[in-house]
Amino acid sequence: RPPFFEPSNLSEFIDLQASAIIRQMSPLEIGQMLHPHAEAIPY
């Protein structure tokens, strides 16, 4: 059988999965992931 993901589609699949995960995160969660040592400041 051919592999589940062709190598040319693997990158697209990873991008779609990463985007789906990020879209479920709040701005606070995204910031904490990008800047783990940063201090969140209320508006």
PDB file of all heavy atoms in Angstrom:
ATOM      1  N   ARG A   1       0.838  -1.196   0.000  1.00  0.00           N
ATOM      2  CA  ARG A   1       0.000   0.000   0.000  1.00  0.00           C
ATOM      3  C   ARG A   1       0.870   1.242   0.000  1.00  0.00           C
ATOM      4  O   ARG A   1       1.967   1.221   0.562  1.00  0.00           O
ATOM      5  CB  ARG A   1      -0.858   0.068   1.258  1.00  0.00           C
ATOM      6  CG  ARG A   1      -1.830  -1.045   1.410  1.00  0.00           C
ATOM      7  CD  ARG A   1      -2.674  -0.773   2.616  1.00  0.00           C
ATOM      8  NE  ARG A   1      -2.008  -1.372   3.774  1.00  0.00           N
ATOM      9  CZ  ARG A   1      -2.487  -1.341   4.991  1.00  0.00           C
ATOM     10  NH1 ARG A   1      -3.595  -0.709   5.251  1.00  0.00           N
ATOM     11  NH2 ARG A   1      -1.849  -1.914   5.982  1.00  0.00           N
ATOM     12  N   PRO A   2       0.366   2.318  -0.579  1.00  0.00           N
ATOM     13  CA  PRO A   2       1.123   3.577  -0.473  1.00  0.00           C
ATOM     14  C   PRO A   2       1.084   4.071   0.967  1.00  0.00           C
ATOM     15  O   PRO A   2       0.181   3.713   1.722  1.00  0.00           O
ATOM     16  CB  PRO A   2       0.385   4.538  -1.403  1.00  0.00           C
ATOM     17  CG  PRO A   2      -0.973   3.962  -1.561  1.00  0.00           C
ATOM     18  CD  PRO A   2      -0.858   2.467  -1.347  1.00  0.00           C
ATOM     19  N   PRO A   3       2.067   4.847   1.393  1.00  0.00           N
ATOM     20  CA  PRO A   3       2.049   5.378   2.757  1.00  0.00           C
ATOM     21  C   PRO A   3       0.819   6.257   2.974  1.00  0.00           C
ATOM     22  O   PRO A   3       0.268   6.812   2.015  1.00  0.00           O
ATOM     23  CB  PRO A   3       3.340   6.202   2.849  1.00  0.00           C
ATOM     24  CG  PRO A   3       3.781   6.409   1.465  1.00  0.00           C
ATOM     25  CD  PRO A   3       3.182   5.326   0.610  1.00  0.00           C
ATOM     26  N   PHE A   4       0.397   6.346   4.225  1.00  0.00           N
ATOM     27  CA  PHE A   4      -0.789   7.138   4.565  1.00  0.00           C
ATOM     28  C   PHE A   4      -0.626   8.578   4.085  1.00  0.00           C
ATOM     29  O   PHE A   4      -1.547   9.175   3.563  1.00  0.00           O
ATOM     30  CB  PHE A   4      -1.020   7.086   6.070  1.00  0.00           C
ATOM     31  CG  PHE A   4      -2.259   7.798   6.509  1.00  0.00           C
ATOM     32  CD1 PHE A   4      -3.505   7.293   6.200  1.00  0.00           C
ATOM     33  CD2 PHE A   4      -2.174   8.969   7.220  1.00  0.00           C
ATOM     34  CE1 PHE A   4      -4.653   7.953   6.614  1.00  0.00           C
ATOM     35  CE2 PHE A   4      -3.304   9.640   7.634  1.00  0.00           C
ATOM     36  CZ  PHE A   4      -4.555   9.124   7.330  1.00  0.00           C
ATOM     37  N   PHE A   5       0.545   9.131   4.252  1.00  0.00           N
ATOM     38  CA  PHE A   5       0.827  10.487   3.787  1.00  0.00           C
ATOM     39  C   PHE A   5       2.004  10.441   2.843  1.00  0.00           C
ATOM     40  O   PHE A   5       3.057   9.921   3.179  1.00  0.00           O
ATOM     41  CB  PHE A   5       1.167  11.431   4.954  1.00  0.00           C
ATOM     42  CG  PHE A   5       0.009  11.688   5.839  1.00  0.00           C
ATOM     43  CD1 PHE A   5      -0.088  11.075   7.071  1.00  0.00           C
ATOM     44  CD2 PHE A   5      -1.001  12.537   5.447  1.00  0.00           C
ATOM     45  CE1 PHE A   5      -1.164  11.292   7.885  1.00  0.00           C
ATOM     46  CE2 PHE A   5      -2.096  12.771   6.262  1.00  0.00           C
ATOM     47  CZ  PHE A   5      -2.174  12.147   7.480  1.00  0.00           C
ATOM     48  N   GLU A   6       1.788  10.968   1.688  1.00  0.00           N
ATOM     49  CA  GLU A   6       2.892  11.107   0.747  1.00  0.00           C
ATOM     50  C   GLU A   6       3.836  12.169   1.303  1.00  0.00           C
ATOM     51  O   GLU A   6       3.388  13.120   1.952  1.00  0.00           O
ATOM     52  CB  GLU A   6       2.377  11.540  -0.630  1.00  0.00           C
ATOM     53  CG  GLU A   6       1.487  10.524  -1.297  1.00  0.00           C
ATOM     54  CD  GLU A   6       2.226   9.255  -1.660  1.00  0.00           C
ATOM     55  OE1 GLU A   6       3.432   9.316  -1.973  1.00  0.00           O
ATOM     56  OE2 GLU A   6       1.594   8.176  -1.610  1.00  0.00           O
ATOM     57  N   PRO A   7       5.136  12.056   1.077  1.00  0.00           N
ATOM     58  CA  PRO A   7       6.074  13.056   1.600  1.00  0.00           C
ATOM     59  C   PRO A   7       5.702  14.488   1.206  1.00  0.00           C
ATOM     60  O   PRO A   7       5.858  15.403   1.986  1.00  0.00           O
ATOM     61  CB  PRO A   7       7.406  12.637   0.990  1.00  0.00           C
ATOM     62  CG  PRO A   7       7.255  11.179   0.743  1.00  0.00           C
ATOM     63  CD  PRO A   7       5.794  10.964   0.403  1.00  0.00           C
ATOM     64  N   SER A   8       5.170  14.682   0.018  1.00  0.00           N
ATOM     65  CA  SER A   8       4.817  16.038  -0.412  1.00  0.00           C
ATOM     66  C   SER A   8       3.628  16.579   0.384  1.00  0.00           C
ATOM     67  O   SER A   8       3.450  17.786   0.494  1.00  0.00           O
ATOM     68  CB  SER A   8       4.502  16.067  -1.899  1.00  0.00           C
ATOM     69  OG  SER A   8       3.377  15.235  -2.158  1.00  0.00           O
ATOM     70  N   ASN A   9       2.793  15.704   0.939  1.00  0.00           N
ATOM     71  CA  ASN A   9       1.627  16.138   1.700  1.00  0.00           C
ATOM     72  C   ASN A   9       1.891  16.208   3.201  1.00  0.00           C
ATOM     73  O   ASN A   9       1.098  16.760   3.936  1.00  0.00           O
ATOM     74  CB  ASN A   9       0.455  15.187   1.455  1.00  0.00           C
ATOM     75  CG  ASN A   9      -0.024  15.235   0.033  1.00  0.00           C
ATOM     76  OD1 ASN A   9       0.159  16.241  -0.652  1.00  0.00           O
ATOM     77  ND2 ASN A   9      -0.624  14.160  -0.429  1.00  0.00           N
ATOM     78  N   LEU A  10       2.973  15.629   3.659  1.00  0.00           N
ATOM     79  CA  LEU A  10       3.262  15.592   5.091  1.00  0.00           C
ATOM     80  C   LEU A  10       3.426  16.995   5.661  1.00  0.00           C
ATOM     81  O   LEU A  10       2.876  17.309   6.727  1.00  0.00           O
ATOM     82  CB  LEU A  10       4.506  14.754   5.367  1.00  0.00           C
ATOM     83  CG  LEU A  10       4.865  14.569   6.839  1.00  0.00           C
ATOM     84  CD1 LEU A  10       3.710  13.920   7.592  1.00  0.00           C
ATOM     85  CD2 LEU A  10       6.121  13.739   6.969  1.00  0.00           C
ATOM     86  N   SER A  11       4.127  17.841   4.968  1.00  0.00           N
ATOM     87  CA  SER A  11       4.326  19.214   5.438  1.00  0.00           C
ATOM     88  C   SER A  11       2.993  19.955   5.541  1.00  0.00           C
ATOM     89  O   SER A  11       2.736  20.652   6.525  1.00  0.00           O
ATOM     90  CB  SER A  11       5.274  19.957   4.497  1.00  0.00           C
ATOM     91  OG  SER A  11       5.409  21.295   4.893  1.00  0.00           O
ATOM     92  N   GLU A  12       2.153  19.783   4.556  1.00  0.00           N
ATOM     93  CA  GLU A  12       0.835  20.423   4.578  1.00  0.00           C
ATOM     94  C   GLU A  12       0.000  19.883   5.741  1.00  0.00           C
ATOM     95  O   GLU A  12      -0.676  20.634   6.439  1.00  0.00           O
ATOM     96  CB  GLU A  12       0.107  20.187   3.254  1.00  0.00           C
ATOM     97  CG  GLU A  12      -1.244  20.865   3.189  1.00  0.00           C
ATOM     98  CD  GLU A  12      -1.950  20.638   1.861  1.00  0.00           C
ATOM     99  OE1 GLU A  12      -1.313  20.200   0.895  1.00  0.00           O
ATOM    100  OE2 GLU A  12      -3.154  20.923   1.814  1.00  0.00           O
ATOM    101  N   PHE A  13       0.061  18.572   5.958  1.00  0.00           N
ATOM    102  CA  PHE A  13      -0.664  17.957   7.066  1.00  0.00           C
ATOM    103  C   PHE A  13      -0.204  18.529   8.406  1.00  0.00           C
ATOM    104  O   PHE A  13      -1.018  18.881   9.262  1.00  0.00           O
ATOM    105  CB  PHE A  13      -0.464  16.433   7.039  1.00  0.00           C
ATOM    106  CG  PHE A  13      -1.034  15.745   8.250  1.00  0.00           C
ATOM    107  CD1 PHE A  13      -2.399  15.564   8.384  1.00  0.00           C
ATOM    108  CD2 PHE A  13      -0.199  15.289   9.264  1.00  0.00           C
ATOM    109  CE1 PHE A  13      -2.929  14.940   9.495  1.00  0.00           C
ATOM    110  CE2 PHE A  13      -0.720  14.661  10.376  1.00  0.00           C
ATOM    111  CZ  PHE A  13      -2.093  14.480  10.502  1.00  0.00           C
ATOM    112  N   ILE A  14       1.098  18.644   8.596  1.00  0.00           N
ATOM    113  CA  ILE A  14       1.647  19.183   9.841  1.00  0.00           C
ATOM    114  C   ILE A  14       1.206  20.631  10.030  1.00  0.00           C
ATOM    115  O   ILE A  14       0.809  21.025  11.133  1.00  0.00           O
ATOM    116  CB  ILE A  14       3.183  19.050   9.864  1.00  0.00           C
ATOM    117  CG1 ILE A  14       3.561  17.566   9.963  1.00  0.00           C
ATOM    118  CG2 ILE A  14       3.792  19.855  11.021  1.00  0.00           C
ATOM    119  CD1 ILE A  14       5.028  17.280   9.749  1.00  0.00           C
ATOM    120  N   ASP A  15       1.249  21.427   8.971  1.00  0.00           N
ATOM    121  CA  ASP A  15       0.795  22.820   9.049  1.00  0.00           C
ATOM    122  C   ASP A  15      -0.677  22.904   9.457  1.00  0.00           C
ATOM    123  O   ASP A  15      -1.053  23.735  10.285  1.00  0.00           O
ATOM    124  CB  ASP A  15       0.996  23.534   7.719  1.00  0.00           C
ATOM    125  CG  ASP A  15       2.441  23.835   7.411  1.00  0.00           C
ATOM    126  OD1 ASP A  15       3.288  23.731   8.328  1.00  0.00           O
ATOM    127  OD2 ASP A  15       2.736  24.181   6.251  1.00  0.00           O
ATOM    128  N   LEU A  16      -1.508  22.056   8.874  1.00  0.00           N
ATOM    129  CA  LEU A  16      -2.934  22.068   9.197  1.00  0.00           C
ATOM    130  C   LEU A  16      -3.181  21.664  10.642  1.00  0.00           C
ATOM    131  O   LEU A  16      -4.010  22.267  11.334  1.00  0.00           O
ATOM    132  CB  LEU A  16      -3.704  21.138   8.254  1.00  0.00           C
ATOM    133  CG  LEU A  16      -3.826  21.602   6.808  1.00  0.00           C
ATOM    134  CD1 LEU A  16      -4.420  20.499   5.934  1.00  0.00           C
ATOM    135  CD2 LEU A  16      -4.666  22.858   6.726  1.00  0.00           C
ATOM    136  N   GLN A  17      -2.460  20.667  11.118  1.00  0.00           N
ATOM    137  CA  GLN A  17      -2.623  20.216  12.499  1.00  0.00           C
ATOM    138  C   GLN A  17      -2.145  21.287  13.490  1.00  0.00           C
ATOM    139  O   GLN A  17      -2.807  21.546  14.496  1.00  0.00           O
ATOM    140  CB  GLN A  17      -1.877  18.896  12.735  1.00  0.00           C
ATOM    141  CG  GLN A  17      -2.476  17.731  11.984  1.00  0.00           C
ATOM    142  CD  GLN A  17      -3.943  17.516  12.325  1.00  0.00           C
ATOM    143  OE1 GLN A  17      -4.323  17.440  13.485  1.00  0.00           O
ATOM    144  NE2 GLN A  17      -4.774  17.446  11.311  1.00  0.00           N
ATOM    145  N   ALA A  18      -1.009  21.897  13.197  1.00  0.00           N
ATOM    146  CA  ALA A  18      -0.493  22.962  14.070  1.00  0.00           C
ATOM    147  C   ALA A  18      -1.463  24.137  14.110  1.00  0.00           C
ATOM    148  O   ALA A  18      -1.742  24.694  15.179  1.00  0.00           O
ATOM    149  CB  ALA A  18       0.879  23.415  13.593  1.00  0.00           C
ATOM    150  N   SER A  19      -2.006  24.508  12.959  1.00  0.00           N
ATOM    151  CA  SER A  19      -2.967  25.607  12.896  1.00  0.00           C
ATOM    152  C   SER A  19      -4.216  25.282  13.716  1.00  0.00           C
ATOM    153  O   SER A  19      -4.730  26.139  14.433  1.00  0.00           O
ATOM    154  CB  SER A  19      -3.346  25.888  11.443  1.00  0.00           C
ATOM    155  OG  SER A  19      -4.292  26.913  11.374  1.00  0.00           O
ATOM    156  N   ALA A  20      -4.696  24.056  13.618  1.00  0.00           N
ATOM    157  CA  ALA A  20      -5.884  23.654  14.378  1.00  0.00           C
ATOM    158  C   ALA A  20      -5.629  23.753  15.880  1.00  0.00           C
ATOM    159  O   ALA A  20      -6.508  24.183  16.638  1.00  0.00           O
ATOM    160  CB  ALA A  20      -6.289  22.231  13.992  1.00  0.00           C
ATOM    161  N   ILE A  21      -4.449  23.376  16.313  1.00  0.00           N
ATOM    162  CA  ILE A  21      -4.114  23.453  17.742  1.00  0.00           C
ATOM    163  C   ILE A  21      -4.042  24.911  18.187  1.00  0.00           C
ATOM    164  O   ILE A  21      -4.624  25.296  19.205  1.00  0.00           O
ATOM    165  CB  ILE A  21      -2.791  22.716  18.027  1.00  0.00           C
ATOM    166  CG1 ILE A  21      -2.996  21.207  17.854  1.00  0.00           C
ATOM    167  CG2 ILE A  21      -2.275  23.039  19.430  1.00  0.00           C
ATOM    168  CD1 ILE A  21      -1.724  20.407  17.826  1.00  0.00           C
ATOM    169  N   ILE A  22      -3.354  25.743  17.425  1.00  0.00           N
ATOM    170  CA  ILE A  22      -3.203  27.163  17.771  1.00  0.00           C
ATOM    171  C   ILE A  22      -4.561  27.858  17.799  1.00  0.00           C
ATOM    172  O   ILE A  22      -4.824  28.690  18.663  1.00  0.00           O
ATOM    173  CB  ILE A  22      -2.246  27.874  16.784  1.00  0.00           C
ATOM    174  CG1 ILE A  22      -0.848  27.284  16.881  1.00  0.00           C
ATOM    175  CG2 ILE A  22      -2.242  29.384  17.001  1.00  0.00           C
ATOM    176  CD1 ILE A  22      -0.154  27.498  18.194  1.00  0.00           C
ATOM    177  N   ARG A  23      -5.444  27.516  16.867  1.00  0.00           N
ATOM    178  CA  ARG A  23      -6.761  28.163  16.800  1.00  0.00           C
ATOM    179  C   ARG A  23      -7.596  27.871  18.046  1.00  0.00           C
ATOM    180  O   ARG A  23      -8.542  28.590  18.322  1.00  0.00           O
ATOM    181  CB  ARG A  23      -7.521  27.718  15.555  1.00  0.00           C
ATOM    182  CG  ARG A  23      -6.836  28.040  14.277  1.00  0.00           C
ATOM    183  CD  ARG A  23      -7.219  29.214  13.502  1.00  0.00           C
ATOM    184  NE  ARG A  23      -8.503  29.782  13.626  1.00  0.00           N
ATOM    185  CZ  ARG A  23      -8.702  31.090  13.484  1.00  0.00           C
ATOM    186  NH1 ARG A  23      -7.688  31.891  13.248  1.00  0.00           N
ATOM    187  NH2 ARG A  23      -9.906  31.589  13.562  1.00  0.00           N
ATOM    188  N   GLN A  24      -7.271  26.832  18.775  1.00  0.00           N
ATOM    189  CA  GLN A  24      -8.004  26.514  19.999  1.00  0.00           C
ATOM    190  C   GLN A  24      -7.436  27.243  21.211  1.00  0.00           C
ATOM    191  O   GLN A  24      -8.037  27.214  22.286  1.00  0.00           O
ATOM    192  CB  GLN A  24      -7.961  25.007  20.252  1.00  0.00           C
ATOM    193  CG  GLN A  24      -8.693  24.211  19.208  1.00  0.00           C
ATOM    194  CD  GLN A  24      -8.564  22.713  19.429  1.00  0.00           C
ATOM    195  OE1 GLN A  24      -8.158  22.261  20.488  1.00  0.00           O
ATOM    196  NE2 GLN A  24      -8.897  21.947  18.416  1.00  0.00           N
ATOM    197  N   MET A  25      -6.295  27.891  21.047  1.00  0.00           N
ATOM    198  CA  MET A  25      -5.625  28.554  22.166  1.00  0.00           C
ATOM    199  C   MET A  25      -6.046  30.017  22.268  1.00  0.00           C
ATOM    200  O   MET A  25      -6.312  30.676  21.269  1.00  0.00           O
ATOM    201  CB  MET A  25      -4.113  28.471  21.985  1.00  0.00           C
ATOM    202  CG  MET A  25      -3.588  27.048  22.005  1.00  0.00           C
ATOM    203  SD  MET A  25      -1.843  26.938  21.576  1.00  0.00           S
ATOM    204  CE  MET A  25      -1.102  27.558  23.079  1.00  0.00           C
ATOM    205  N   SER A  26      -6.082  30.531  23.481  1.00  0.00           N
ATOM    206  CA  SER A  26      -6.377  31.944  23.718  1.00  0.00           C
ATOM    207  C   SER A  26      -5.098  32.757  23.498  1.00  0.00           C
ATOM    208  O   SER A  26      -3.992  32.195  23.477  1.00  0.00           O
ATOM    209  CB  SER A  26      -6.860  32.132  25.153  1.00  0.00           C
ATOM    210  OG  SER A  26      -5.793  31.910  26.055  1.00  0.00           O
ATOM    211  N   PRO A  27      -5.233  34.095  23.355  1.00  0.00           N
ATOM    212  CA  PRO A  27      -4.027  34.922  23.266  1.00  0.00           C
ATOM    213  C   PRO A  27      -3.095  34.730  24.468  1.00  0.00           C
ATOM    214  O   PRO A  27      -1.872  34.727  24.319  1.00  0.00           O
ATOM    215  CB  PRO A  27      -4.566  36.350  23.201  1.00  0.00           C
ATOM    216  CG  PRO A  27      -5.915  36.203  22.577  1.00  0.00           C
ATOM    217  CD  PRO A  27      -6.439  34.892  23.132  1.00  0.00           C
ATOM    218  N   LEU A  28      -3.663  34.517  25.644  1.00  0.00           N
ATOM    219  CA  LEU A  28      -2.849  34.268  26.841  1.00  0.00           C
ATOM    220  C   LEU A  28      -2.039  32.980  26.670  1.00  0.00           C
ATOM    221  O   LEU A  28      -0.830  32.959  26.919  1.00  0.00           O
ATOM    222  CB  LEU A  28      -3.743  34.170  28.082  1.00  0.00           C
ATOM    223  CG  LEU A  28      -3.038  33.767  29.379  1.00  0.00           C
ATOM    224  CD1 LEU A  28      -2.005  34.806  29.788  1.00  0.00           C
ATOM    225  CD2 LEU A  28      -4.068  33.553  30.488  1.00  0.00           C
ATOM    226  N   GLU A  29      -2.692  31.917  26.228  1.00  0.00           N
ATOM    227  CA  GLU A  29      -2.003  30.636  26.055  1.00  0.00           C
ATOM    228  C   GLU A  29      -0.930  30.709  24.967  1.00  0.00           C
ATOM    229  O   GLU A  29       0.159  30.157  25.122  1.00  0.00           O
ATOM    230  CB  GLU A  29      -3.009  29.534  25.713  1.00  0.00           C
ATOM    231  CG  GLU A  29      -3.951  29.215  26.858  1.00  0.00           C
ATOM    232  CD  GLU A  29      -5.122  28.348  26.438  1.00  0.00           C
ATOM    233  OE1 GLU A  29      -5.619  28.475  25.303  1.00  0.00           O
ATOM    234  OE2 GLU A  29      -5.542  27.533  27.281  1.00  0.00           O
ATOM    235  N   ILE A  30      -1.226  31.407  23.892  1.00  0.00           N
ATOM    236  CA  ILE A  30      -0.246  31.557  22.806  1.00  0.00           C
ATOM    237  C   ILE A  30       0.974  32.316  23.321  1.00  0.00           C
ATOM    238  O   ILE A  30       2.116  31.929  23.085  1.00  0.00           O
ATOM    239  CB  ILE A  30      -0.870  32.261  21.595  1.00  0.00           C
ATOM    240  CG1 ILE A  30      -1.937  31.368  20.967  1.00  0.00           C
ATOM    241  CG2 ILE A  30       0.199  32.622  20.555  1.00  0.00           C
ATOM    242  CD1 ILE A  30      -2.801  32.064  19.929  1.00  0.00           C
ATOM    243  N   GLY A  31       0.723  33.418  24.031  1.00  0.00           N
ATOM    244  CA  GLY A  31       1.825  34.204  24.580  1.00  0.00           C
ATOM    245  C   GLY A  31       2.670  33.412  25.559  1.00  0.00           C
ATOM    246  O   GLY A  31       3.897  33.513  25.562  1.00  0.00           O
ATOM    247  N   GLN A  32       2.020  32.607  26.395  1.00  0.00           N
ATOM    248  CA  GLN A  32       2.762  31.792  27.358  1.00  0.00           C
ATOM    249  C   GLN A  32       3.600  30.736  26.651  1.00  0.00           C
ATOM    250  O   GLN A  32       4.676  30.387  27.121  1.00  0.00           O
ATOM    251  CB  GLN A  32       1.800  31.145  28.350  1.00  0.00           C
ATOM    252  CG  GLN A  32       1.196  32.145  29.305  1.00  0.00           C
ATOM    253  CD  GLN A  32       0.096  31.555  30.173  1.00  0.00           C
ATOM    254  OE1 GLN A  32      -0.585  30.607  29.784  1.00  0.00           O
ATOM    255  NE2 GLN A  32      -0.091  32.135  31.347  1.00  0.00           N
ATOM    256  N   MET A  33       3.116  30.241  25.525  1.00  0.00           N
ATOM    257  CA  MET A  33       3.886  29.267  24.764  1.00  0.00           C
ATOM    258  C   MET A  33       5.083  29.940  24.087  1.00  0.00           C
ATOM    259  O   MET A  33       6.197  29.422  24.109  1.00  0.00           O
ATOM    260  CB  MET A  33       2.993  28.607  23.704  1.00  0.00           C
ATOM    261  CG  MET A  33       3.715  27.574  22.856  1.00  0.00           C
ATOM    262  SD  MET A  33       2.672  26.853  21.580  1.00  0.00           S
ATOM    263  CE  MET A  33       2.354  28.263  20.539  1.00  0.00           C
ATOM    264  N   LEU A  34       4.856  31.108  23.486  1.00  0.00           N
ATOM    265  CA  LEU A  34       5.931  31.816  22.781  1.00  0.00           C
ATOM    266  C   LEU A  34       6.946  32.441  23.727  1.00  0.00           C
ATOM    267  O   LEU A  34       8.136  32.518  23.413  1.00  0.00           O
ATOM    268  CB  LEU A  34       5.338  32.913  21.887  1.00  0.00           C
ATOM    269  CG  LEU A  34       4.485  32.455  20.719  1.00  0.00           C
ATOM    270  CD1 LEU A  34       3.838  33.653  20.036  1.00  0.00           C
ATOM    271  CD2 LEU A  34       5.315  31.653  19.737  1.00  0.00           C
ATOM    272  N   HIS A  35       6.471  32.936  24.863  1.00  0.00           N
ATOM    273  CA  HIS A  35       7.320  33.653  25.820  1.00  0.00           C
ATOM    274  C   HIS A  35       7.091  33.076  27.220  1.00  0.00           C
ATOM    275  O   HIS A  35       6.427  33.696  28.060  1.00  0.00           O
ATOM    276  CB  HIS A  35       6.982  35.145  25.808  1.00  0.00           C
ATOM    277  CG  HIS A  35       6.994  35.769  24.458  1.00  0.00           C
ATOM    278  ND1 HIS A  35       8.156  35.987  23.757  1.00  0.00           N
ATOM    279  CD2 HIS A  35       5.981  36.193  23.651  1.00  0.00           C
ATOM    280  CE1 HIS A  35       7.864  36.544  22.594  1.00  0.00           C
ATOM    281  NE2 HIS A  35       6.561  36.664  22.504  1.00  0.00           N
ATOM    282  N   PRO A  36       7.616  31.884  27.499  1.00  0.00           N
ATOM    283  CA  PRO A  36       7.306  31.212  28.771  1.00  0.00           C
ATOM    284  C   PRO A  36       7.717  31.976  30.025  1.00  0.00           C
ATOM    285  O   PRO A  36       7.155  31.756  31.090  1.00  0.00           O
ATOM    286  CB  PRO A  36       8.042  29.876  28.672  1.00  0.00           C
ATOM    287  CG  PRO A  36       9.002  30.010  27.553  1.00  0.00           C
ATOM    288  CD  PRO A  36       8.523  31.105  26.662  1.00  0.00           C
ATOM    289  N   HIS A  37       8.656  32.885  29.919  1.00  0.00           N
ATOM    290  CA  HIS A  37       9.111  33.625  31.109  1.00  0.00           C
ATOM    291  C   HIS A  37       8.518  35.029  31.181  1.00  0.00           C
ATOM    292  O   HIS A  37       8.875  35.803  32.067  1.00  0.00           O
ATOM    293  CB  HIS A  37      10.638  33.691  31.131  1.00  0.00           C
ATOM    294  CG  HIS A  37      11.255  32.326  31.134  1.00  0.00           C
ATOM    295  ND1 HIS A  37      11.154  31.466  32.202  1.00  0.00           N
ATOM    296  CD2 HIS A  37      11.954  31.653  30.193  1.00  0.00           C
ATOM    297  CE1 HIS A  37      11.754  30.335  31.928  1.00  0.00           C
ATOM    298  NE2 HIS A  37      12.259  30.411  30.712  1.00  0.00           N
ATOM    299  N   ALA A  38       7.611  35.339  30.267  1.00  0.00           N
ATOM    300  CA  ALA A  38       6.997  36.666  30.250  1.00  0.00           C
ATOM    301  C   ALA A  38       5.890  36.751  31.297  1.00  0.00           C
ATOM    302  O   ALA A  38       5.323  35.744  31.718  1.00  0.00           O
ATOM    303  CB  ALA A  38       6.421  36.961  28.869  1.00  0.00           C
ATOM    304  N   GLU A  39       5.598  37.980  31.686  1.00  0.00           N
ATOM    305  CA  GLU A  39       4.526  38.236  32.650  1.00  0.00           C
ATOM    306  C   GLU A  39       3.301  38.736  31.889  1.00  0.00           C
ATOM    307  O   GLU A  39       3.376  39.734  31.170  1.00  0.00           O
ATOM    308  CB  GLU A  39       4.988  39.308  33.647  1.00  0.00           C
ATOM    309  CG  GLU A  39       3.932  39.748  34.610  1.00  0.00           C
ATOM    310  CD  GLU A  39       4.372  40.934  35.459  1.00  0.00           C
ATOM    311  OE1 GLU A  39       5.519  41.411  35.312  1.00  0.00           O
ATOM    312  OE2 GLU A  39       3.547  41.399  36.258  1.00  0.00           O
ATOM    313  N   ALA A  40       2.164  38.051  32.026  1.00  0.00           N
ATOM    314  CA  ALA A  40       0.917  38.499  31.396  1.00  0.00           C
ATOM    315  C   ALA A  40       0.436  39.750  32.133  1.00  0.00           C
ATOM    316  O   ALA A  40       0.428  39.792  33.364  1.00  0.00           O
ATOM    317  CB  ALA A  40      -0.133  37.403  31.468  1.00  0.00           C
ATOM    318  N   ILE A  41       0.071  40.773  31.375  1.00  0.00           N
ATOM    319  CA  ILE A  41      -0.368  42.052  31.944  1.00  0.00           C
ATOM    320  C   ILE A  41      -1.829  42.288  31.564  1.00  0.00           C
ATOM    321  O   ILE A  41      -2.150  42.350  30.376  1.00  0.00           O
ATOM    322  CB  ILE A  41       0.483  43.227  31.405  1.00  0.00           C
ATOM    323  CG1 ILE A  41       1.967  42.967  31.600  1.00  0.00           C
ATOM    324  CG2 ILE A  41       0.045  44.551  32.016  1.00  0.00           C
ATOM    325  CD1 ILE A  41       2.423  43.016  33.022  1.00  0.00           C
ATOM    326  N   PRO A  42      -2.731  42.438  32.537  1.00  0.00           N
ATOM    327  CA  PRO A  42      -4.123  42.770  32.211  1.00  0.00           C
ATOM    328  C   PRO A  42      -4.185  44.129  31.506  1.00  0.00           C
ATOM    329  O   PRO A  42      -3.375  45.026  31.781  1.00  0.00           O
ATOM    330  CB  PRO A  42      -4.818  42.839  33.571  1.00  0.00           C
ATOM    331  CG  PRO A  42      -3.920  42.121  34.518  1.00  0.00           C
ATOM    332  CD  PRO A  42      -2.531  42.269  33.973  1.00  0.00           C
ATOM    333  N   TYR A  43      -5.151  44.280  30.625  1.00  0.00           N
ATOM    334  CA  TYR A  43      -5.290  45.517  29.846  1.00  0.00           C
ATOM    335  C   TYR A  43      -5.269  46.757  30.741  1.00  0.00           C
ATOM    336  O   TYR A  43      -4.588  47.737  30.424  1.00  0.00           O
ATOM    337  CB  TYR A  43      -6.586  45.466  29.028  1.00  0.00           C
ATOM    338  CG  TYR A  43      -6.852  46.727  28.263  1.00  0.00           C
ATOM    339  CD1 TYR A  43      -6.200  46.971  27.064  1.00  0.00           C
ATOM    340  CD2 TYR A  43      -7.739  47.683  28.751  1.00  0.00           C
ATOM    341  CE1 TYR A  43      -6.426  48.142  26.354  1.00  0.00           C
ATOM    342  CE2 TYR A  43      -7.976  48.848  28.044  1.00  0.00           C
ATOM    343  CZ  TYR A  43      -7.316  49.083  26.858  1.00  0.00           C
ATOM    344  OH  TYR A  43      -7.540  50.242  26.164  1.00  0.00           O
TER     345      TYR A  43
END
